[in-house]
């Protein structure tokens, strides 16, 4: 790639072009009625090894949330980083209420009081005294409340608790509310080969914000390891997908139409010796120079495969155009 690093907006913070999403390493958690919200069982020692391997491979950006594993992801990430905390950029999120002991998500809370309580809790679990990128995790919150929370984030910056902030949302209008703040550095939003986001990328270009990309591998469909009808363990959110989780049907089966689209673009994505997952990341880097994909991981091997995409660079404009033609957009 032209550069292996990205700027987080105008914050002065630089991150590796590839980040890692820490949802999966939080392990299992659920709604009060038992709906799974994690990615199944996890080995904390393997998670720690994977984070440390990522550091050795040049990954400097780690994205988590207080609710992942009901606080467990933050604890594992903090332990894994240890004395190397100052070498990396840590992003976390707030806006949800959960019980750490039972690992149950209780609901959301967009109040200003909760934001401060949540920040205190995240700092404690991560074992740090500042958050590099603090992100609002209620994607459909009222824009007026969003403006109040933006102003509160500015207070957090002045207090030295937060370096920059963002809204995790797929709505450009809401993202623009946060974008009006002096220390807003990014938007976290969905982006992958199958789900483009031209309006959000245009906002990022216009406002000088980084585009932090969740679901870069379409919840695993672009990792090349999901077949039609393949079962998932009961604690995996994809085994009983909520309405917002596209590409999977009841029981966790991959949607045949989605798999057909993956197959259609496979040859382009795997050009240059890339794996399918590496090609999906290369598409994102080719899509915009502001993008920072954050694929999830549970093992050292997954980290090594994802980090291996960096050296192979982005797809070319011609390849992006070819993919658009194949997908009919």
C-alpha atoms as a PDB file:
ATOM      1  CA  UNK A   1       0.000   0.000   0.000  1.00  0.00           C
ATOM      2  CA  UNK A   2       1.088   3.592  -0.460  1.00  0.00           C
ATOM      3  CA  UNK A   3       0.996   3.854   3.306  1.00  0.00           C
ATOM      4  CA  UNK A   4       0.343   1.340   6.018  1.00  0.00           C
ATOM      5  CA  UNK A   5      -1.155   4.047   8.210  1.00  0.00           C
ATOM      6  CA  UNK A   6      -4.229   6.242   8.330  1.00  0.00           C
ATOM      7  CA  UNK A   7      -4.997   9.542  10.045  1.00  0.00           C
ATOM      8  CA  UNK A   8      -7.996   9.617  12.370  1.00  0.00           C
ATOM      9  CA  UNK A   9      -9.501  12.783  10.998  1.00  0.00           C
ATOM     10  CA  UNK A  10      -7.765  15.969  12.159  1.00  0.00           C
ATOM     11  CA  UNK A  11      -6.979  14.541  15.598  1.00  0.00           C
ATOM     12  CA  UNK A  12      -3.288  13.988  14.949  1.00  0.00           C
ATOM     13  CA  UNK A  13      -3.799  10.320  15.832  1.00  0.00           C
ATOM     14  CA  UNK A  14      -2.342   7.817  13.356  1.00  0.00           C
ATOM     15  CA  UNK A  15      -3.374   4.169  13.190  1.00  0.00           C
ATOM     16  CA  UNK A  16      -2.402   1.145  11.144  1.00  0.00           C
ATOM     17  CA  UNK A  17      -4.480   0.823   7.969  1.00  0.00           C
ATOM     18  CA  UNK A  18      -5.850  -2.386   9.462  1.00  0.00           C
ATOM     19  CA  UNK A  19      -7.467  -2.384  12.869  1.00  0.00           C
ATOM     20  CA  UNK A  20      -8.892  -5.322  14.772  1.00  0.00           C
ATOM     21  CA  UNK A  21     -12.410  -5.594  16.139  1.00  0.00           C
ATOM     22  CA  UNK A  22     -12.648  -7.104  19.619  1.00  0.00           C
ATOM     23  CA  UNK A  23     -16.330  -8.107  19.711  1.00  0.00           C
ATOM     24  CA  UNK A  24     -15.658 -11.844  19.364  1.00  0.00           C
ATOM     25  CA  UNK A  25     -13.008 -12.031  22.082  1.00  0.00           C
ATOM     26  CA  UNK A  26     -15.569 -10.843  24.616  1.00  0.00           C
ATOM     27  CA  UNK A  27     -17.074 -14.321  24.484  1.00  0.00           C
ATOM     28  CA  UNK A  28     -20.703 -15.153  25.092  1.00  0.00           C
ATOM     29  CA  UNK A  29     -23.328 -12.665  26.283  1.00  0.00           C
ATOM     30  CA  UNK A  30     -27.039 -12.364  25.602  1.00  0.00           C
ATOM     31  CA  UNK A  31     -30.308 -10.501  25.904  1.00  0.00           C
ATOM     32  CA  UNK A  32     -32.483 -11.217  28.983  1.00  0.00           C
ATOM     33  CA  UNK A  33     -34.477 -13.780  26.964  1.00  0.00           C
ATOM     34  CA  UNK A  34     -31.371 -15.676  25.885  1.00  0.00           C
ATOM     35  CA  UNK A  35     -30.794 -14.236  22.406  1.00  0.00           C
ATOM     36  CA  UNK A  36     -27.028 -14.687  21.815  1.00  0.00           C
ATOM     37  CA  UNK A  37     -25.066 -11.484  21.213  1.00  0.00           C
ATOM     38  CA  UNK A  38     -21.516 -12.830  21.099  1.00  0.00           C
ATOM     39  CA  UNK A  39     -19.673 -15.119  18.710  1.00  0.00           C
ATOM     40  CA  UNK A  40     -19.651 -18.197  20.915  1.00  0.00           C
ATOM     41  CA  UNK A  41     -17.121 -19.586  23.354  1.00  0.00           C
ATOM     42  CA  UNK A  42     -13.652 -18.107  23.419  1.00  0.00           C
ATOM     43  CA  UNK A  43     -10.241 -18.997  24.856  1.00  0.00           C
ATOM     44  CA  UNK A  44      -8.950 -15.930  26.705  1.00  0.00           C
ATOM     45  CA  UNK A  45      -5.330 -17.079  26.519  1.00  0.00           C
ATOM     46  CA  UNK A  46      -5.587 -17.449  22.740  1.00  0.00           C
ATOM     47  CA  UNK A  47      -7.178 -13.991  22.590  1.00  0.00           C
ATOM     48  CA  UNK A  48      -4.232 -12.525  24.481  1.00  0.00           C
ATOM     49  CA  UNK A  49      -1.769 -14.305  22.193  1.00  0.00           C
ATOM     50  CA  UNK A  50      -3.663 -13.013  19.145  1.00  0.00           C
ATOM     51  CA  UNK A  51      -3.587  -9.380  20.327  1.00  0.00           C
ATOM     52  CA  UNK A  52       0.132  -9.594  21.046  1.00  0.00           C
ATOM     53  CA  UNK A  53       0.779 -11.221  17.656  1.00  0.00           C
ATOM     54  CA  UNK A  54      -1.102  -8.346  16.028  1.00  0.00           C
ATOM     55  CA  UNK A  55       1.182  -5.867  17.798  1.00  0.00           C
ATOM     56  CA  UNK A  56       4.224  -7.709  16.470  1.00  0.00           C
ATOM     57  CA  UNK A  57       2.767  -7.554  12.942  1.00  0.00           C
ATOM     58  CA  UNK A  58       2.316  -3.775  13.104  1.00  0.00           C
ATOM     59  CA  UNK A  59      -1.374  -3.485  13.998  1.00  0.00           C
ATOM     60  CA  UNK A  60      -1.836  -0.449  16.254  1.00  0.00           C
ATOM     61  CA  UNK A  61      -5.631   0.032  16.330  1.00  0.00           C
ATOM     62  CA  UNK A  62      -7.973  -2.044  18.496  1.00  0.00           C
ATOM     63  CA  UNK A  63     -11.721  -1.448  18.604  1.00  0.00           C
ATOM     64  CA  UNK A  64     -13.909  -2.777  21.406  1.00  0.00           C
ATOM     65  CA  UNK A  65     -17.031  -1.759  23.347  1.00  0.00           C
ATOM     66  CA  UNK A  66     -18.048  -1.873  26.985  1.00  0.00           C
ATOM     67  CA  UNK A  67     -20.914  -4.236  26.141  1.00  0.00           C
ATOM     68  CA  UNK A  68     -18.884  -6.881  24.275  1.00  0.00           C
ATOM     69  CA  UNK A  69     -19.011  -9.885  26.570  1.00  0.00           C
ATOM     70  CA  UNK A  70     -20.571  -7.516  29.129  1.00  0.00           C
ATOM     71  CA  UNK A  71     -17.198  -5.919  29.881  1.00  0.00           C
ATOM     72  CA  UNK A  72     -15.080  -9.003  29.215  1.00  0.00           C
ATOM     73  CA  UNK A  73     -13.617  -7.837  25.892  1.00  0.00           C
ATOM     74  CA  UNK A  74     -12.263  -4.666  27.497  1.00  0.00           C
ATOM     75  CA  UNK A  75     -10.699  -6.678  30.326  1.00  0.00           C
ATOM     76  CA  UNK A  76      -9.018  -9.125  27.938  1.00  0.00           C
ATOM     77  CA  UNK A  77      -7.761  -6.356  25.664  1.00  0.00           C
ATOM     78  CA  UNK A  78      -6.361  -4.391  28.603  1.00  0.00           C
ATOM     79  CA  UNK A  79      -4.547  -7.469  29.892  1.00  0.00           C
ATOM     80  CA  UNK A  80      -3.171  -8.316  26.456  1.00  0.00           C
ATOM     81  CA  UNK A  81      -1.816  -4.805  25.860  1.00  0.00           C
ATOM     82  CA  UNK A  82      -0.292  -4.457  29.310  1.00  0.00           C
ATOM     83  CA  UNK A  83       2.836  -2.310  29.273  1.00  0.00           C
ATOM     84  CA  UNK A  84       2.463  -1.774  25.495  1.00  0.00           C
ATOM     85  CA  UNK A  85      -0.692   0.335  25.946  1.00  0.00           C
ATOM     86  CA  UNK A  86       1.169   3.486  24.870  1.00  0.00           C
ATOM     87  CA  UNK A  87       2.082   1.938  21.510  1.00  0.00           C
ATOM     88  CA  UNK A  88      -1.515   1.557  20.357  1.00  0.00           C
ATOM     89  CA  UNK A  89      -4.757   3.381  19.723  1.00  0.00           C
ATOM     90  CA  UNK A  90      -7.683   1.994  21.714  1.00  0.00           C
ATOM     91  CA  UNK A  91     -11.270   2.658  20.667  1.00  0.00           C
ATOM     92  CA  UNK A  92     -14.234   1.653  22.780  1.00  0.00           C
ATOM     93  CA  UNK A  93     -17.950   2.458  22.863  1.00  0.00           C
ATOM     94  CA  UNK A  94     -20.697   3.338  25.288  1.00  0.00           C
ATOM     95  CA  UNK A  95     -24.478   3.604  25.360  1.00  0.00           C
ATOM     96  CA  UNK A  96     -25.582   0.150  26.521  1.00  0.00           C
ATOM     97  CA  UNK A  97     -26.404  -1.128  29.989  1.00  0.00           C
ATOM     98  CA  UNK A  98     -25.409  -4.650  31.004  1.00  0.00           C
ATOM     99  CA  UNK A  99     -24.804  -6.918  33.968  1.00  0.00           C
ATOM    100  CA  UNK A 100     -21.192  -8.113  34.098  1.00  0.00           C
ATOM    101  CA  UNK A 101     -21.893 -11.082  36.367  1.00  0.00           C
ATOM    102  CA  UNK A 102     -24.726 -12.622  34.341  1.00  0.00           C
ATOM    103  CA  UNK A 103     -23.344 -11.346  31.015  1.00  0.00           C
ATOM    104  CA  UNK A 104     -26.755  -9.982  30.011  1.00  0.00           C
ATOM    105  CA  UNK A 105     -27.439  -6.839  27.966  1.00  0.00           C
ATOM    106  CA  UNK A 106     -30.188  -4.931  29.771  1.00  0.00           C
ATOM    107  CA  UNK A 107     -30.880  -2.114  27.311  1.00  0.00           C
ATOM    108  CA  UNK A 108     -29.487   1.226  26.217  1.00  0.00           C
ATOM    109  CA  UNK A 109     -29.006   4.555  27.979  1.00  0.00           C
ATOM    110  CA  UNK A 110     -28.153   7.718  26.044  1.00  0.00           C
ATOM    111  CA  UNK A 111     -28.163  10.008  29.091  1.00  0.00           C
ATOM    112  CA  UNK A 112     -25.231  12.271  29.885  1.00  0.00           C
ATOM    113  CA  UNK A 113     -24.899  10.782  33.366  1.00  0.00           C
ATOM    114  CA  UNK A 114     -24.581   7.293  31.938  1.00  0.00           C
ATOM    115  CA  UNK A 115     -21.895   8.419  29.468  1.00  0.00           C
ATOM    116  CA  UNK A 116     -19.663   9.537  32.321  1.00  0.00           C
ATOM    117  CA  UNK A 117     -20.327   6.390  34.346  1.00  0.00           C
ATOM    118  CA  UNK A 118     -19.620   4.258  31.279  1.00  0.00           C
ATOM    119  CA  UNK A 119     -16.344   6.051  30.588  1.00  0.00           C
ATOM    120  CA  UNK A 120     -15.203   5.449  34.171  1.00  0.00           C
ATOM    121  CA  UNK A 121     -16.056   1.763  33.822  1.00  0.00           C
ATOM    122  CA  UNK A 122     -14.217   1.361  30.517  1.00  0.00           C
ATOM    123  CA  UNK A 123     -11.086   3.050  31.864  1.00  0.00           C
ATOM    124  CA  UNK A 124     -11.108   0.667  34.822  1.00  0.00           C
ATOM    125  CA  UNK A 125     -11.619  -2.496  32.755  1.00  0.00           C
ATOM    126  CA  UNK A 126      -9.024  -1.502  30.152  1.00  0.00           C
ATOM    127  CA  UNK A 127      -6.500  -0.568  32.829  1.00  0.00           C
ATOM    128  CA  UNK A 128      -5.793   2.827  31.293  1.00  0.00           C
ATOM    129  CA  UNK A 129      -6.321   6.480  32.161  1.00  0.00           C
ATOM    130  CA  UNK A 130      -7.463   7.632  28.707  1.00  0.00           C
ATOM    131  CA  UNK A 131      -9.416   6.398  25.672  1.00  0.00           C
ATOM    132  CA  UNK A 132      -8.034   7.321  22.254  1.00  0.00           C
ATOM    133  CA  UNK A 133     -11.367   7.124  20.383  1.00  0.00           C
ATOM    134  CA  UNK A 134     -14.624   7.086  22.381  1.00  0.00           C
ATOM    135  CA  UNK A 135     -17.632   6.063  20.310  1.00  0.00           C
ATOM    136  CA  UNK A 136     -21.374   6.416  20.924  1.00  0.00           C
ATOM    137  CA  UNK A 137     -22.893   2.955  20.405  1.00  0.00           C
ATOM    138  CA  UNK A 138     -26.613   3.758  20.051  1.00  0.00           C
ATOM    139  CA  UNK A 139     -26.890   3.982  16.284  1.00  0.00           C
ATOM    140  CA  UNK A 140     -30.445   5.350  16.095  1.00  0.00           C
ATOM    141  CA  UNK A 141     -30.420   7.785  19.034  1.00  0.00           C
ATOM    142  CA  UNK A 142     -32.135  11.141  18.707  1.00  0.00           C
ATOM    143  CA  UNK A 143     -29.883  13.657  16.881  1.00  0.00           C
ATOM    144  CA  UNK A 144     -30.655  16.299  19.496  1.00  0.00           C
ATOM    145  CA  UNK A 145     -29.360  14.029  22.234  1.00  0.00           C
ATOM    146  CA  UNK A 146     -26.429  13.277  19.954  1.00  0.00           C
ATOM    147  CA  UNK A 147     -25.528  16.974  19.961  1.00  0.00           C
ATOM    148  CA  UNK A 148     -25.580  17.031  23.771  1.00  0.00           C
ATOM    149  CA  UNK A 149     -23.352  13.955  23.920  1.00  0.00           C
ATOM    150  CA  UNK A 150     -20.985  15.502  21.380  1.00  0.00           C
ATOM    151  CA  UNK A 151     -20.590  18.495  23.669  1.00  0.00           C
ATOM    152  CA  UNK A 152     -20.014  16.158  26.616  1.00  0.00           C
ATOM    153  CA  UNK A 153     -17.296  14.378  24.630  1.00  0.00           C
ATOM    154  CA  UNK A 154     -15.622  17.742  24.169  1.00  0.00           C
ATOM    155  CA  UNK A 155     -15.596  18.016  27.981  1.00  0.00           C
ATOM    156  CA  UNK A 156     -14.003  14.570  28.192  1.00  0.00           C
ATOM    157  CA  UNK A 157     -11.295  15.776  25.813  1.00  0.00           C
ATOM    158  CA  UNK A 158     -10.657  18.878  27.909  1.00  0.00           C
ATOM    159  CA  UNK A 159     -10.384  16.676  31.007  1.00  0.00           C
ATOM    160  CA  UNK A 160      -7.775  14.483  29.307  1.00  0.00           C
ATOM    161  CA  UNK A 161      -9.937  11.355  29.548  1.00  0.00           C
ATOM    162  CA  UNK A 162     -10.557  11.061  25.795  1.00  0.00           C
ATOM    163  CA  UNK A 163      -8.407  12.088  22.822  1.00  0.00           C
ATOM    164  CA  UNK A 164     -11.113  11.986  20.116  1.00  0.00           C
ATOM    165  CA  UNK A 165     -14.642  10.660  19.622  1.00  0.00           C
ATOM    166  CA  UNK A 166     -17.053   9.269  17.035  1.00  0.00           C
ATOM    167  CA  UNK A 167     -20.591   7.950  16.538  1.00  0.00           C
ATOM    168  CA  UNK A 168     -21.047   4.318  15.523  1.00  0.00           C
ATOM    169  CA  UNK A 169     -23.987   4.621  13.122  1.00  0.00           C
ATOM    170  CA  UNK A 170     -24.960   3.888   9.539  1.00  0.00           C
ATOM    171  CA  UNK A 171     -26.894   7.165   9.222  1.00  0.00           C
ATOM    172  CA  UNK A 172     -24.883  10.006   7.620  1.00  0.00           C
ATOM    173  CA  UNK A 173     -27.186  12.607   9.198  1.00  0.00           C
ATOM    174  CA  UNK A 174     -26.443  11.424  12.710  1.00  0.00           C
ATOM    175  CA  UNK A 175     -22.747  11.069  11.916  1.00  0.00           C
ATOM    176  CA  UNK A 176     -22.736  14.701  10.753  1.00  0.00           C
ATOM    177  CA  UNK A 177     -24.066  15.819  14.159  1.00  0.00           C
ATOM    178  CA  UNK A 178     -20.956  14.425  15.833  1.00  0.00           C
ATOM    179  CA  UNK A 179     -18.833  15.554  12.897  1.00  0.00           C
ATOM    180  CA  UNK A 180     -19.547  19.175  13.815  1.00  0.00           C
ATOM    181  CA  UNK A 181     -17.479  18.755  16.974  1.00  0.00           C
ATOM    182  CA  UNK A 182     -13.883  19.964  17.024  1.00  0.00           C
ATOM    183  CA  UNK A 183     -12.496  16.642  18.253  1.00  0.00           C
ATOM    184  CA  UNK A 184     -14.710  14.270  16.299  1.00  0.00           C
ATOM    185  CA  UNK A 185     -12.247  12.147  14.333  1.00  0.00           C
ATOM    186  CA  UNK A 186     -14.233   9.367  12.695  1.00  0.00           C
ATOM    187  CA  UNK A 187     -17.460   7.562  11.937  1.00  0.00           C
ATOM    188  CA  UNK A 188     -17.768   3.853  12.565  1.00  0.00           C
ATOM    189  CA  UNK A 189     -20.080   2.278  10.016  1.00  0.00           C
ATOM    190  CA  UNK A 190     -20.720  -0.901   8.078  1.00  0.00           C
ATOM    191  CA  UNK A 191     -18.732  -1.325   4.863  1.00  0.00           C
ATOM    192  CA  UNK A 192     -17.873  -4.397   2.827  1.00  0.00           C
ATOM    193  CA  UNK A 193     -17.830  -5.598  -0.775  1.00  0.00           C
ATOM    194  CA  UNK A 194     -21.479  -6.651  -0.555  1.00  0.00           C
ATOM    195  CA  UNK A 195     -22.678  -3.570   1.360  1.00  0.00           C
ATOM    196  CA  UNK A 196     -21.222  -0.339   0.030  1.00  0.00           C
ATOM    197  CA  UNK A 197     -21.822   2.977   1.828  1.00  0.00           C
ATOM    198  CA  UNK A 198     -21.296   5.789  -0.719  1.00  0.00           C
ATOM    199  CA  UNK A 199     -23.175   8.452   1.270  1.00  0.00           C
ATOM    200  CA  UNK A 200     -21.170   7.814   4.426  1.00  0.00           C
ATOM    201  CA  UNK A 201     -17.875   7.788   2.553  1.00  0.00           C
ATOM    202  CA  UNK A 202     -18.856  11.093   0.927  1.00  0.00           C
ATOM    203  CA  UNK A 203     -19.536  12.553   4.372  1.00  0.00           C
ATOM    204  CA  UNK A 204     -16.136  11.376   5.604  1.00  0.00           C
ATOM    205  CA  UNK A 205     -14.447  12.927   2.572  1.00  0.00           C
ATOM    206  CA  UNK A 206     -16.311  16.210   3.043  1.00  0.00           C
ATOM    207  CA  UNK A 207     -15.767  16.475   6.799  1.00  0.00           C
ATOM    208  CA  UNK A 208     -12.233  15.038   6.928  1.00  0.00           C
ATOM    209  CA  UNK A 209     -13.255  12.086   9.101  1.00  0.00           C
ATOM    210  CA  UNK A 210     -11.787   8.598   9.189  1.00  0.00           C
ATOM    211  CA  UNK A 211     -14.089   5.796   8.066  1.00  0.00           C
ATOM    212  CA  UNK A 212     -13.813   2.965  10.606  1.00  0.00           C
ATOM    213  CA  UNK A 213     -15.380  -0.088   9.009  1.00  0.00           C
ATOM    214  CA  UNK A 214     -17.233  -2.742  10.955  1.00  0.00           C
ATOM    215  CA  UNK A 215     -18.396  -5.953   9.262  1.00  0.00           C
ATOM    216  CA  UNK A 216     -15.624  -5.725   6.636  1.00  0.00           C
ATOM    217  CA  UNK A 217     -15.951  -9.487   6.098  1.00  0.00           C
ATOM    218  CA  UNK A 218     -19.789  -9.430   6.167  1.00  0.00           C
ATOM    219  CA  UNK A 219     -19.980 -11.268   9.499  1.00  0.00           C
ATOM    220  CA  UNK A 220     -17.736 -14.003   8.146  1.00  0.00           C
ATOM    221  CA  UNK A 221     -19.351 -14.544   4.739  1.00  0.00           C
ATOM    222  CA  UNK A 222     -16.290 -12.972   3.089  1.00  0.00           C
ATOM    223  CA  UNK A 223     -13.853 -15.044   5.133  1.00  0.00           C
ATOM    224  CA  UNK A 224     -14.395 -17.993   2.772  1.00  0.00           C
ATOM    225  CA  UNK A 225     -15.215 -20.471   5.508  1.00  0.00           C
ATOM    226  CA  UNK A 226     -19.039 -20.470   5.531  1.00  0.00           C
ATOM    227  CA  UNK A 227     -20.992 -22.881   3.381  1.00  0.00           C
ATOM    228  CA  UNK A 228     -24.726 -23.120   2.725  1.00  0.00           C
ATOM    229  CA  UNK A 229     -26.509 -24.931   5.563  1.00  0.00           C
ATOM    230  CA  UNK A 230     -23.422 -25.065   7.803  1.00  0.00           C
ATOM    231  CA  UNK A 231     -24.414 -25.063  11.481  1.00  0.00           C
ATOM    232  CA  UNK A 232     -23.100 -22.621  14.096  1.00  0.00           C
ATOM    233  CA  UNK A 233     -22.730 -23.127  17.837  1.00  0.00           C
ATOM    234  CA  UNK A 234     -25.653 -21.992  19.953  1.00  0.00           C
ATOM    235  CA  UNK A 235     -23.825 -19.046  21.578  1.00  0.00           C
ATOM    236  CA  UNK A 236     -23.044 -17.433  18.212  1.00  0.00           C
ATOM    237  CA  UNK A 237     -25.219 -14.416  17.327  1.00  0.00           C
ATOM    238  CA  UNK A 238     -25.453 -15.715  13.759  1.00  0.00           C
ATOM    239  CA  UNK A 239     -27.167 -18.906  14.994  1.00  0.00           C
ATOM    240  CA  UNK A 240     -30.274 -16.858  15.839  1.00  0.00           C
ATOM    241  CA  UNK A 241     -29.720 -13.675  13.817  1.00  0.00           C
ATOM    242  CA  UNK A 242     -31.552 -10.504  14.907  1.00  0.00           C
ATOM    243  CA  UNK A 243     -33.378  -8.518  12.253  1.00  0.00           C
ATOM    244  CA  UNK A 244     -30.436  -6.200  11.565  1.00  0.00           C
ATOM    245  CA  UNK A 245     -28.027  -9.063  10.814  1.00  0.00           C
ATOM    246  CA  UNK A 246     -28.333  -9.652   7.086  1.00  0.00           C
ATOM    247  CA  UNK A 247     -26.922 -12.628   5.186  1.00  0.00           C
ATOM    248  CA  UNK A 248     -28.042 -15.319   7.627  1.00  0.00           C
ATOM    249  CA  UNK A 249     -31.347 -17.102   8.149  1.00  0.00           C
ATOM    250  CA  UNK A 250     -32.848 -18.815  11.202  1.00  0.00           C
ATOM    251  CA  UNK A 251     -30.508 -21.471  12.533  1.00  0.00           C
ATOM    252  CA  UNK A 252     -27.453 -19.602  11.301  1.00  0.00           C
ATOM    253  CA  UNK A 253     -27.485 -20.848   7.717  1.00  0.00           C
ATOM    254  CA  UNK A 254     -25.745 -18.501   5.288  1.00  0.00           C
ATOM    255  CA  UNK A 255     -28.211 -16.975   2.831  1.00  0.00           C
ATOM    256  CA  UNK A 256     -27.713 -18.733  -0.543  1.00  0.00           C
ATOM    257  CA  UNK A 257     -28.178 -15.441  -2.422  1.00  0.00           C
ATOM    258  CA  UNK A 258     -25.395 -13.822  -0.402  1.00  0.00           C
ATOM    259  CA  UNK A 259     -23.109 -16.803  -0.990  1.00  0.00           C
ATOM    260  CA  UNK A 260     -23.861 -16.571  -4.706  1.00  0.00           C
ATOM    261  CA  UNK A 261     -22.667 -12.943  -4.708  1.00  0.00           C
ATOM    262  CA  UNK A 262     -19.530 -13.901  -2.788  1.00  0.00           C
ATOM    263  CA  UNK A 263     -18.797 -16.617  -5.366  1.00  0.00           C
ATOM    264  CA  UNK A 264     -19.343 -14.138  -8.212  1.00  0.00           C
ATOM    265  CA  UNK A 265     -16.613 -11.761  -6.986  1.00  0.00           C
ATOM    266  CA  UNK A 266     -14.247 -14.414  -5.609  1.00  0.00           C
ATOM    267  CA  UNK A 267     -11.863 -14.437  -8.596  1.00  0.00           C
ATOM    268  CA  UNK A 268     -11.319 -10.675  -8.467  1.00  0.00           C
ATOM    269  CA  UNK A 269     -10.871 -10.637  -4.696  1.00  0.00           C
ATOM    270  CA  UNK A 270      -8.363 -13.506  -4.689  1.00  0.00           C
ATOM    271  CA  UNK A 271      -6.144 -11.924  -7.358  1.00  0.00           C
ATOM    272  CA  UNK A 272      -2.491 -11.344  -6.514  1.00  0.00           C
ATOM    273  CA  UNK A 273      -2.277 -14.365  -4.248  1.00  0.00           C
ATOM    274  CA  UNK A 274      -4.799 -13.004  -1.748  1.00  0.00           C
ATOM    275  CA  UNK A 275      -7.130 -15.114   0.325  1.00  0.00           C
ATOM    276  CA  UNK A 276     -10.812 -14.201   0.028  1.00  0.00           C
ATOM    277  CA  UNK A 277     -10.670 -12.311   3.337  1.00  0.00           C
ATOM    278  CA  UNK A 278      -7.547 -10.426   2.259  1.00  0.00           C
ATOM    279  CA  UNK A 279      -9.272  -9.468  -0.980  1.00  0.00           C
ATOM    280  CA  UNK A 280     -12.293  -8.171   0.903  1.00  0.00           C
ATOM    281  CA  UNK A 281     -10.008  -5.933   2.971  1.00  0.00           C
ATOM    282  CA  UNK A 282      -8.176  -4.840  -0.186  1.00  0.00           C
ATOM    283  CA  UNK A 283     -11.527  -3.781  -1.685  1.00  0.00           C
ATOM    284  CA  UNK A 284     -12.155  -1.512   1.327  1.00  0.00           C
ATOM    285  CA  UNK A 285      -8.720   0.117   1.051  1.00  0.00           C
ATOM    286  CA  UNK A 286      -9.271   0.643  -2.668  1.00  0.00           C
ATOM    287  CA  UNK A 287     -12.690   2.156  -2.003  1.00  0.00           C
ATOM    288  CA  UNK A 288     -11.305   5.123  -0.020  1.00  0.00           C
ATOM    289  CA  UNK A 289      -7.999   6.257   1.444  1.00  0.00           C
ATOM    290  CA  UNK A 290      -9.877   7.157   4.657  1.00  0.00           C
ATOM    291  CA  UNK A 291     -10.944   3.599   5.469  1.00  0.00           C
ATOM    292  CA  UNK A 292      -9.783   1.531   8.442  1.00  0.00           C
ATOM    293  CA  UNK A 293     -11.388  -1.932   8.392  1.00  0.00           C
ATOM    294  CA  UNK A 294     -11.646  -3.710  11.738  1.00  0.00           C
ATOM    295  CA  UNK A 295     -12.195  -7.436  11.106  1.00  0.00           C
ATOM    296  CA  UNK A 296     -12.925  -9.560  14.138  1.00  0.00           C
ATOM    297  CA  UNK A 297     -10.716 -12.387  15.370  1.00  0.00           C
ATOM    298  CA  UNK A 298     -10.533 -15.202  17.880  1.00  0.00           C
ATOM    299  CA  UNK A 299      -7.239 -16.853  16.964  1.00  0.00           C
ATOM    300  CA  UNK A 300      -3.628 -16.038  16.141  1.00  0.00           C
ATOM    301  CA  UNK A 301      -4.155 -17.552  12.675  1.00  0.00           C
ATOM    302  CA  UNK A 302      -6.990 -15.132  11.893  1.00  0.00           C
ATOM    303  CA  UNK A 303      -4.854 -12.177  12.951  1.00  0.00           C
ATOM    304  CA  UNK A 304      -1.985 -13.370  10.759  1.00  0.00           C
ATOM    305  CA  UNK A 305      -4.253 -13.777   7.723  1.00  0.00           C
ATOM    306  CA  UNK A 306      -5.842 -10.351   8.161  1.00  0.00           C
ATOM    307  CA  UNK A 307      -2.526  -8.595   8.786  1.00  0.00           C
ATOM    308  CA  UNK A 308      -1.119 -10.310   5.715  1.00  0.00           C
ATOM    309  CA  UNK A 309      -3.513  -8.275   3.576  1.00  0.00           C
ATOM    310  CA  UNK A 310      -1.613  -5.055   4.271  1.00  0.00           C
ATOM    311  CA  UNK A 311       1.447  -5.959   2.238  1.00  0.00           C
ATOM    312  CA  UNK A 312      -0.650  -6.968  -0.770  1.00  0.00           C
ATOM    313  CA  UNK A 313      -2.160  -3.489  -1.041  1.00  0.00           C
ATOM    314  CA  UNK A 314      -5.571  -2.246  -2.178  1.00  0.00           C
ATOM    315  CA  UNK A 315      -7.475  -3.429  -5.235  1.00  0.00           C
ATOM    316  CA  UNK A 316      -7.094  -1.215  -8.288  1.00  0.00           C
ATOM    317  CA  UNK A 317      -9.808   1.165  -9.576  1.00  0.00           C
ATOM    318  CA  UNK A 318     -10.298  -1.188 -12.526  1.00  0.00           C
ATOM    319  CA  UNK A 319     -10.896  -4.103 -10.160  1.00  0.00           C
ATOM    320  CA  UNK A 320     -13.375  -2.079  -8.121  1.00  0.00           C
ATOM    321  CA  UNK A 321     -15.221  -1.188 -11.320  1.00  0.00           C
ATOM    322  CA  UNK A 322     -15.257  -4.847 -12.339  1.00  0.00           C
ATOM    323  CA  UNK A 323     -16.788  -5.834  -9.002  1.00  0.00           C
ATOM    324  CA  UNK A 324     -19.436  -3.125  -9.299  1.00  0.00           C
ATOM    325  CA  UNK A 325     -20.341  -4.513 -12.721  1.00  0.00           C
ATOM    326  CA  UNK A 326     -20.581  -8.075 -11.420  1.00  0.00           C
ATOM    327  CA  UNK A 327     -22.824  -6.982  -8.545  1.00  0.00           C
ATOM    328  CA  UNK A 328     -24.928  -4.738 -10.784  1.00  0.00           C
ATOM    329  CA  UNK A 329     -24.314  -1.415  -9.096  1.00  0.00           C
END
